[in-house]
Amino acid sequence: YESIIPTLLEDRVHLPSYSLRVSIGVRDY
């Protein structure tokens, strides 16, 4: 993977953007 991923990044198959956090609102009760 340390060989595969740099190739994908250099070839710009994707422009990686972000990872979302798991964000949850919880009532106090």
PDB file of all heavy atoms in Angstrom:
ATOM      1  N   TYR A   1       0.820  -1.212   0.000  1.00  0.00           N
ATOM      2  CA  TYR A   1       0.000   0.000   0.000  1.00  0.00           C
ATOM      3  C   TYR A   1       0.854   1.263   0.000  1.00  0.00           C
ATOM      4  O   TYR A   1       0.459   2.287  -0.560  1.00  0.00           O
ATOM      5  CB  TYR A   1      -0.961   0.003   1.191  1.00  0.00           C
ATOM      6  CG  TYR A   1      -2.100  -0.968   1.018  1.00  0.00           C
ATOM      7  CD1 TYR A   1      -2.317  -1.996   1.932  1.00  0.00           C
ATOM      8  CD2 TYR A   1      -2.954  -0.883  -0.082  1.00  0.00           C
ATOM      9  CE1 TYR A   1      -3.361  -2.905   1.763  1.00  0.00           C
ATOM     10  CE2 TYR A   1      -3.992  -1.787  -0.254  1.00  0.00           C
ATOM     11  CZ  TYR A   1      -4.182  -2.795   0.673  1.00  0.00           C
ATOM     12  OH  TYR A   1      -5.211  -3.688   0.489  1.00  0.00           O
ATOM     13  N   GLU A   2       2.042   1.175   0.588  1.00  0.00           N
ATOM     14  CA  GLU A   2       2.933   2.333   0.577  1.00  0.00           C
ATOM     15  C   GLU A   2       3.552   2.549  -0.795  1.00  0.00           C
ATOM     16  O   GLU A   2       4.152   3.599  -1.050  1.00  0.00           O
ATOM     17  CB  GLU A   2       4.010   2.170   1.655  1.00  0.00           C
ATOM     18  CG  GLU A   2       3.442   2.342   3.065  1.00  0.00           C
ATOM     19  CD  GLU A   2       4.478   2.183   4.158  1.00  0.00           C
ATOM     20  OE1 GLU A   2       5.646   1.882   3.820  1.00  0.00           O
ATOM     21  OE2 GLU A   2       4.136   2.365   5.337  1.00  0.00           O
ATOM     22  N   SER A   3       3.393   1.582  -1.686  1.00  0.00           N
ATOM     23  CA  SER A   3       3.750   1.750  -3.095  1.00  0.00           C
ATOM     24  C   SER A   3       2.543   2.180  -3.925  1.00  0.00           C
ATOM     25  O   SER A   3       2.641   3.059  -4.780  1.00  0.00           O
ATOM     26  CB  SER A   3       4.330   0.440  -3.649  1.00  0.00           C
ATOM     27  OG  SER A   3       4.473   0.484  -5.053  1.00  0.00           O
ATOM     28  N   ILE A   4       1.387   1.566  -3.648  1.00  0.00           N
ATOM     29  CA  ILE A   4       0.176   1.821  -4.430  1.00  0.00           C
ATOM     30  C   ILE A   4      -0.333   3.250  -4.233  1.00  0.00           C
ATOM     31  O   ILE A   4      -0.612   3.975  -5.207  1.00  0.00           O
ATOM     32  CB  ILE A   4      -0.927   0.820  -4.029  1.00  0.00           C
ATOM     33  CG1 ILE A   4      -0.558  -0.594  -4.450  1.00  0.00           C
ATOM     34  CG2 ILE A   4      -2.278   1.226  -4.621  1.00  0.00           C
ATOM     35  CD1 ILE A   4      -1.408  -1.672  -3.790  1.00  0.00           C
ATOM     36  N   ILE A   5      -0.464   3.667  -2.990  1.00  0.00           N
ATOM     37  CA  ILE A   5      -1.135   4.945  -2.705  1.00  0.00           C
ATOM     38  C   ILE A   5      -0.374   6.144  -3.262  1.00  0.00           C
ATOM     39  O   ILE A   5      -0.994   7.036  -3.874  1.00  0.00           O
ATOM     40  CB  ILE A   5      -1.420   5.063  -1.195  1.00  0.00           C
ATOM     41  CG1 ILE A   5      -2.510   4.051  -0.817  1.00  0.00           C
ATOM     42  CG2 ILE A   5      -1.852   6.487  -0.824  1.00  0.00           C
ATOM     43  CD1 ILE A   5      -2.799   3.952   0.666  1.00  0.00           C
ATOM     44  N   PRO A   6       0.955   6.248  -3.112  1.00  0.00           N
ATOM     45  CA  PRO A   6       1.636   7.382  -3.742  1.00  0.00           C
ATOM     46  C   PRO A   6       1.453   7.451  -5.254  1.00  0.00           C
ATOM     47  O   PRO A   6       1.358   8.550  -5.828  1.00  0.00           O
ATOM     48  CB  PRO A   6       3.104   7.151  -3.371  1.00  0.00           C
ATOM     49  CG  PRO A   6       3.052   6.382  -2.093  1.00  0.00           C
ATOM     50  CD  PRO A   6       1.876   5.459  -2.262  1.00  0.00           C
ATOM     51  N   THR A   7       1.385   6.295  -5.903  1.00  0.00           N
ATOM     52  CA  THR A   7       1.146   6.301  -7.356  1.00  0.00           C
ATOM     53  C   THR A   7      -0.222   6.887  -7.680  1.00  0.00           C
ATOM     54  O   THR A   7      -0.367   7.715  -8.595  1.00  0.00           O
ATOM     55  CB  THR A   7       1.249   4.870  -7.923  1.00  0.00           C
ATOM     56  OG1 THR A   7       2.547   4.348  -7.650  1.00  0.00           O
ATOM     57  CG2 THR A   7       1.005   4.865  -9.428  1.00  0.00           C
ATOM     58  N   LEU A   8      -1.245   6.469  -6.932  1.00  0.00           N
ATOM     59  CA  LEU A   8      -2.588   7.011  -7.141  1.00  0.00           C
ATOM     60  C   LEU A   8      -2.621   8.515  -6.890  1.00  0.00           C
ATOM     61  O   LEU A   8      -3.284   9.267  -7.623  1.00  0.00           O
ATOM     62  CB  LEU A   8      -3.575   6.310  -6.203  1.00  0.00           C
ATOM     63  CG  LEU A   8      -3.844   4.831  -6.471  1.00  0.00           C
ATOM     64  CD1 LEU A   8      -4.623   4.218  -5.310  1.00  0.00           C
ATOM     65  CD2 LEU A   8      -4.603   4.651  -7.782  1.00  0.00           C
ATOM     66  N   LEU A   9      -1.895   8.963  -5.863  1.00  0.00           N
ATOM     67  CA  LEU A   9      -1.885  10.391  -5.542  1.00  0.00           C
ATOM     68  C   LEU A   9      -1.133  11.187  -6.599  1.00  0.00           C
ATOM     69  O   LEU A   9      -1.591  12.257  -7.025  1.00  0.00           O
ATOM     70  CB  LEU A   9      -1.253  10.608  -4.165  1.00  0.00           C
ATOM     71  CG  LEU A   9      -2.002  10.013  -2.967  1.00  0.00           C
ATOM     72  CD1 LEU A   9      -1.217  10.246  -1.687  1.00  0.00           C
ATOM     73  CD2 LEU A   9      -3.398  10.602  -2.855  1.00  0.00           C
ATOM     74  N   GLU A  10       0.013  10.693  -7.032  1.00  0.00           N
ATOM     75  CA  GLU A  10       0.799  11.405  -8.047  1.00  0.00           C
ATOM     76  C   GLU A  10       0.060  11.453  -9.382  1.00  0.00           C
ATOM     77  O   GLU A  10       0.153  12.449 -10.113  1.00  0.00           O
ATOM     78  CB  GLU A  10       2.169  10.741  -8.219  1.00  0.00           C
ATOM     79  CG  GLU A  10       3.092  10.866  -7.023  1.00  0.00           C
ATOM     80  CD  GLU A  10       3.652  12.273  -6.836  1.00  0.00           C
ATOM     81  OE1 GLU A  10       3.431  13.135  -7.719  1.00  0.00           O
ATOM     82  OE2 GLU A  10       4.303  12.510  -5.796  1.00  0.00           O
ATOM     83  N   ASP A  11      -0.675  10.396  -9.697  1.00  0.00           N
ATOM     84  CA  ASP A  11      -1.454  10.375 -10.936  1.00  0.00           C
ATOM     85  C   ASP A  11      -2.759  11.148 -10.801  1.00  0.00           C
ATOM     86  O   ASP A  11      -3.477  11.327 -11.790  1.00  0.00           O
ATOM     87  CB  ASP A  11      -1.759   8.935 -11.354  1.00  0.00           C
ATOM     88  CG  ASP A  11      -0.568   8.255 -12.004  1.00  0.00           C
ATOM     89  OD1 ASP A  11       0.478   8.918 -12.178  1.00  0.00           O
ATOM     90  OD2 ASP A  11      -0.667   7.055 -12.336  1.00  0.00           O
ATOM     91  N   ARG A  12      -3.075  11.561  -9.583  1.00  0.00           N
ATOM     92  CA  ARG A  12      -4.262  12.373  -9.295  1.00  0.00           C
ATOM     93  C   ARG A  12      -5.525  11.747  -9.884  1.00  0.00           C
ATOM     94  O   ARG A  12      -6.285  12.389 -10.591  1.00  0.00           O
ATOM     95  CB  ARG A  12      -4.044  13.803  -9.778  1.00  0.00           C
ATOM     96  CG  ARG A  12      -3.029  14.535  -8.897  1.00  0.00           C
ATOM     97  CD  ARG A  12      -2.487  15.810  -9.487  1.00  0.00           C
ATOM     98  NE  ARG A  12      -1.664  16.512  -8.512  1.00  0.00           N
ATOM     99  CZ  ARG A  12      -0.373  16.222  -8.245  1.00  0.00           C
ATOM    100  NH1 ARG A  12       0.229  15.231  -8.896  1.00  0.00           N
ATOM    101  NH2 ARG A  12       0.299  16.914  -7.336  1.00  0.00           N
ATOM    102  N   VAL A  13      -5.707  10.467  -9.550  1.00  0.00           N
ATOM    103  CA  VAL A  13      -6.952   9.785  -9.904  1.00  0.00           C
ATOM    104  C   VAL A  13      -8.092  10.400  -9.097  1.00  0.00           C
ATOM    105  O   VAL A  13      -9.199  10.601  -9.606  1.00  0.00           O
ATOM    106  CB  VAL A  13      -6.840   8.278  -9.626  1.00  0.00           C
ATOM    107  CG1 VAL A  13      -8.064   7.543 -10.142  1.00  0.00           C
ATOM    108  CG2 VAL A  13      -5.567   7.713 -10.244  1.00  0.00           C
ATOM    109  N   HIS A  14      -7.813  10.692  -7.843  1.00  0.00           N
ATOM    110  CA  HIS A  14      -8.694  11.451  -6.958  1.00  0.00           C
ATOM    111  C   HIS A  14      -7.953  12.687  -6.473  1.00  0.00           C
ATOM    112  O   HIS A  14      -6.709  12.693  -6.434  1.00  0.00           O
ATOM    113  CB  HIS A  14      -9.054  10.650  -5.709  1.00  0.00           C
ATOM    114  CG  HIS A  14     -10.008   9.529  -5.913  1.00  0.00           C
ATOM    115  ND1 HIS A  14     -10.458   8.744  -4.861  1.00  0.00           N
ATOM    116  CD2 HIS A  14     -10.622   9.032  -7.024  1.00  0.00           C
ATOM    117  CE1 HIS A  14     -11.294   7.830  -5.315  1.00  0.00           C
ATOM    118  NE2 HIS A  14     -11.401   7.967  -6.629  1.00  0.00           N
ATOM    119  N   LEU A  15      -8.705  13.681  -6.041  1.00  0.00           N
ATOM    120  CA  LEU A  15      -8.194  14.697  -5.133  1.00  0.00           C
ATOM    121  C   LEU A  15      -8.808  14.380  -3.771  1.00  0.00           C
ATOM    122  O   LEU A  15      -9.974  14.699  -3.526  1.00  0.00           O
ATOM    123  CB  LEU A  15      -8.590  16.108  -5.588  1.00  0.00           C
ATOM    124  CG  LEU A  15      -8.040  16.592  -6.931  1.00  0.00           C
ATOM    125  CD1 LEU A  15      -8.491  18.030  -7.185  1.00  0.00           C
ATOM    126  CD2 LEU A  15      -6.519  16.482  -6.992  1.00  0.00           C
ATOM    127  N   PRO A  16      -8.069  13.703  -2.879  1.00  0.00           N
ATOM    128  CA  PRO A  16      -8.624  13.408  -1.562  1.00  0.00           C
ATOM    129  C   PRO A  16      -9.033  14.704  -0.858  1.00  0.00           C
ATOM    130  O   PRO A  16      -8.343  15.724  -0.965  1.00  0.00           O
ATOM    131  CB  PRO A  16      -7.470  12.713  -0.834  1.00  0.00           C
ATOM    132  CG  PRO A  16      -6.606  12.160  -1.931  1.00  0.00           C
ATOM    133  CD  PRO A  16      -6.698  13.169  -3.028  1.00  0.00           C
ATOM    134  N   SER A  17     -10.128  14.630  -0.112  1.00  0.00           N
ATOM    135  CA  SER A  17     -10.646  15.848   0.496  1.00  0.00           C
ATOM    136  C   SER A  17     -10.675  15.776   2.016  1.00  0.00           C
ATOM    137  O   SER A  17      -9.968  16.506   2.691  1.00  0.00           O
ATOM    138  CB  SER A  17     -12.056  16.148  -0.037  1.00  0.00           C
ATOM    139  OG  SER A  17     -12.031  16.331  -1.434  1.00  0.00           O
ATOM    140  N   TYR A  18     -11.517  14.903   2.573  1.00  0.00           N
ATOM    141  CA  TYR A  18     -11.685  14.922   4.025  1.00  0.00           C
ATOM    142  C   TYR A  18     -12.233  13.594   4.528  1.00  0.00           C
ATOM    143  O   TYR A  18     -12.736  12.775   3.765  1.00  0.00           O
ATOM    144  CB  TYR A  18     -12.628  16.054   4.457  1.00  0.00           C
ATOM    145  CG  TYR A  18     -14.007  16.026   3.826  1.00  0.00           C
ATOM    146  CD1 TYR A  18     -15.076  15.403   4.458  1.00  0.00           C
ATOM    147  CD2 TYR A  18     -14.244  16.635   2.595  1.00  0.00           C
ATOM    148  CE1 TYR A  18     -16.337  15.382   3.888  1.00  0.00           C
ATOM    149  CE2 TYR A  18     -15.506  16.614   2.016  1.00  0.00           C
ATOM    150  CZ  TYR A  18     -16.547  15.989   2.661  1.00  0.00           C
ATOM    151  OH  TYR A  18     -17.807  15.965   2.088  1.00  0.00           O
ATOM    152  N   SER A  19     -12.098  13.403   5.818  1.00  0.00           N
ATOM    153  CA  SER A  19     -12.802  12.349   6.547  1.00  0.00           C
ATOM    154  C   SER A  19     -13.738  13.039   7.525  1.00  0.00           C
ATOM    155  O   SER A  19     -13.323  13.957   8.246  1.00  0.00           O
ATOM    156  CB  SER A  19     -11.828  11.454   7.318  1.00  0.00           C
ATOM    157  OG  SER A  19     -11.136  10.574   6.467  1.00  0.00           O
ATOM    158  N   LEU A  20     -14.990  12.626   7.528  1.00  0.00           N
ATOM    159  CA  LEU A  20     -15.941  13.186   8.481  1.00  0.00           C
ATOM    160  C   LEU A  20     -15.783  12.536   9.845  1.00  0.00           C
ATOM    161  O   LEU A  20     -15.447  11.353   9.949  1.00  0.00           O
ATOM    162  CB  LEU A  20     -17.377  12.970   7.993  1.00  0.00           C
ATOM    163  CG  LEU A  20     -17.904  13.920   6.917  1.00  0.00           C
ATOM    164  CD1 LEU A  20     -19.325  13.527   6.536  1.00  0.00           C
ATOM    165  CD2 LEU A  20     -17.865  15.370   7.380  1.00  0.00           C
ATOM    166  N   ARG A  21     -16.040  13.307  10.874  1.00  0.00           N
ATOM    167  CA  ARG A  21     -16.148  12.751  12.207  1.00  0.00           C
ATOM    168  C   ARG A  21     -17.544  12.171  12.382  1.00  0.00           C
ATOM    169  O   ARG A  21     -18.495  12.634  11.750  1.00  0.00           O
ATOM    170  CB  ARG A  21     -15.901  13.839  13.259  1.00  0.00           C
ATOM    171  CG  ARG A  21     -14.511  14.463  13.188  1.00  0.00           C
ATOM    172  CD  ARG A  21     -14.324  15.515  14.256  1.00  0.00           C
ATOM    173  NE  ARG A  21     -14.252  14.936  15.584  1.00  0.00           N
ATOM    174  CZ  ARG A  21     -13.162  14.435  16.148  1.00  0.00           C
ATOM    175  NH1 ARG A  21     -12.026  14.435  15.479  1.00  0.00           N
ATOM    176  NH2 ARG A  21     -13.180  13.925  17.362  1.00  0.00           N
ATOM    177  N   VAL A  22     -17.669  11.128  13.184  1.00  0.00           N
ATOM    178  CA  VAL A  22     -18.979  10.651  13.604  1.00  0.00           C
ATOM    179  C   VAL A  22     -19.437  11.611  14.695  1.00  0.00           C
ATOM    180  O   VAL A  22     -18.872  11.634  15.791  1.00  0.00           O
ATOM    181  CB  VAL A  22     -18.915   9.210  14.116  1.00  0.00           C
ATOM    182  CG1 VAL A  22     -20.255   8.799  14.720  1.00  0.00           C
ATOM    183  CG2 VAL A  22     -18.534   8.266  12.987  1.00  0.00           C
ATOM    184  N   SER A  23     -20.424  12.437  14.386  1.00  0.00           N
ATOM    185  CA  SER A  23     -20.847  13.523  15.272  1.00  0.00           C
ATOM    186  C   SER A  23     -22.324  13.370  15.579  1.00  0.00           C
ATOM    187  O   SER A  23     -23.165  13.450  14.673  1.00  0.00           O
ATOM    188  CB  SER A  23     -20.568  14.877  14.623  1.00  0.00           C
ATOM    189  OG  SER A  23     -19.199  14.993  14.286  1.00  0.00           O
ATOM    190  N   ILE A  24     -22.625  13.152  16.853  1.00  0.00           N
ATOM    191  CA  ILE A  24     -23.976  12.796  17.268  1.00  0.00           C
ATOM    192  C   ILE A  24     -24.412  13.695  18.416  1.00  0.00           C
ATOM    193  O   ILE A  24     -23.672  13.873  19.395  1.00  0.00           O
ATOM    194  CB  ILE A  24     -24.043  11.315  17.687  1.00  0.00           C
ATOM    195  CG1 ILE A  24     -23.674  10.415  16.492  1.00  0.00           C
ATOM    196  CG2 ILE A  24     -25.417  10.950  18.216  1.00  0.00           C
ATOM    197  CD1 ILE A  24     -23.645   8.938  16.808  1.00  0.00           C
ATOM    198  N   GLY A  25     -25.611  14.249  18.299  1.00  0.00           N
ATOM    199  CA  GLY A  25     -26.203  15.026  19.372  1.00  0.00           C
ATOM    200  C   GLY A  25     -27.046  14.128  20.264  1.00  0.00           C
ATOM    201  O   GLY A  25     -27.829  13.316  19.771  1.00  0.00           O
ATOM    202  N   VAL A  26     -26.885  14.273  21.576  1.00  0.00           N
ATOM    203  CA  VAL A  26     -27.542  13.387  22.541  1.00  0.00           C
ATOM    204  C   VAL A  26     -28.238  14.233  23.601  1.00  0.00           C
ATOM    205  O   VAL A  26     -27.600  15.086  24.237  1.00  0.00           O
ATOM    206  CB  VAL A  26     -26.523  12.443  23.213  1.00  0.00           C
ATOM    207  CG1 VAL A  26     -27.234  11.463  24.141  1.00  0.00           C
ATOM    208  CG2 VAL A  26     -25.706  11.690  22.161  1.00  0.00           C
ATOM    209  N   ARG A  27     -29.532  14.012  23.800  1.00  0.00           N
ATOM    210  CA  ARG A  27     -30.252  14.711  24.857  1.00  0.00           C
ATOM    211  C   ARG A  27     -29.719  14.330  26.234  1.00  0.00           C
ATOM    212  O   ARG A  27     -29.255  13.214  26.445  1.00  0.00           O
ATOM    213  CB  ARG A  27     -31.748  14.409  24.774  1.00  0.00           C
ATOM    214  CG  ARG A  27     -32.490  15.196  23.695  1.00  0.00           C
ATOM    215  CD  ARG A  27     -32.452  16.688  23.947  1.00  0.00           C
ATOM    216  NE  ARG A  27     -33.119  17.063  25.179  1.00  0.00           N
ATOM    217  CZ  ARG A  27     -34.310  17.657  25.235  1.00  0.00           C
ATOM    218  NH1 ARG A  27     -34.958  17.947  24.125  1.00  0.00           N
ATOM    219  NH2 ARG A  27     -34.844  17.966  26.400  1.00  0.00           N
ATOM    220  N   ASP A  28     -29.838  15.266  27.188  1.00  0.00           N
ATOM    221  CA  ASP A  28     -29.197  15.079  28.481  1.00  0.00           C
ATOM    222  C   ASP A  28     -29.831  13.974  29.319  1.00  0.00           C
ATOM    223  O   ASP A  28     -29.222  13.492  30.281  1.00  0.00           O
ATOM    224  CB  ASP A  28     -29.173  16.390  29.272  1.00  0.00           C
ATOM    225  CG  ASP A  28     -30.534  17.052  29.374  1.00  0.00           C
ATOM    226  OD1 ASP A  28     -31.540  16.409  29.000  1.00  0.00           O
ATOM    227  OD2 ASP A  28     -30.592  18.209  29.831  1.00  0.00           O
ATOM    228  N   TYR A  29     -31.042  13.529  28.976  1.00  0.00           N
ATOM    229  CA  TYR A  29     -31.668  12.450  29.737  1.00  0.00           C
ATOM    230  C   TYR A  29     -31.325  11.069  29.187  1.00  0.00           C
ATOM    231  O   TYR A  29     -31.769  10.056  29.725  1.00  0.00           O
ATOM    232  CB  TYR A  29     -33.189  12.622  29.785  1.00  0.00           C
ATOM    233  CG  TYR A  29     -33.833  12.867  28.439  1.00  0.00           C
ATOM    234  CD1 TYR A  29     -34.001  11.852  27.504  1.00  0.00           C
ATOM    235  CD2 TYR A  29     -34.278  14.141  28.092  1.00  0.00           C
ATOM    236  CE1 TYR A  29     -34.574  12.073  26.271  1.00  0.00           C
ATOM    237  CE2 TYR A  29     -34.866  14.383  26.856  1.00  0.00           C
ATOM    238  CZ  TYR A  29     -35.014  13.358  25.947  1.00  0.00           C
ATOM    239  OH  TYR A  29     -35.591  13.588  24.725  1.00  0.00           O
TER     240      TYR A  29
END
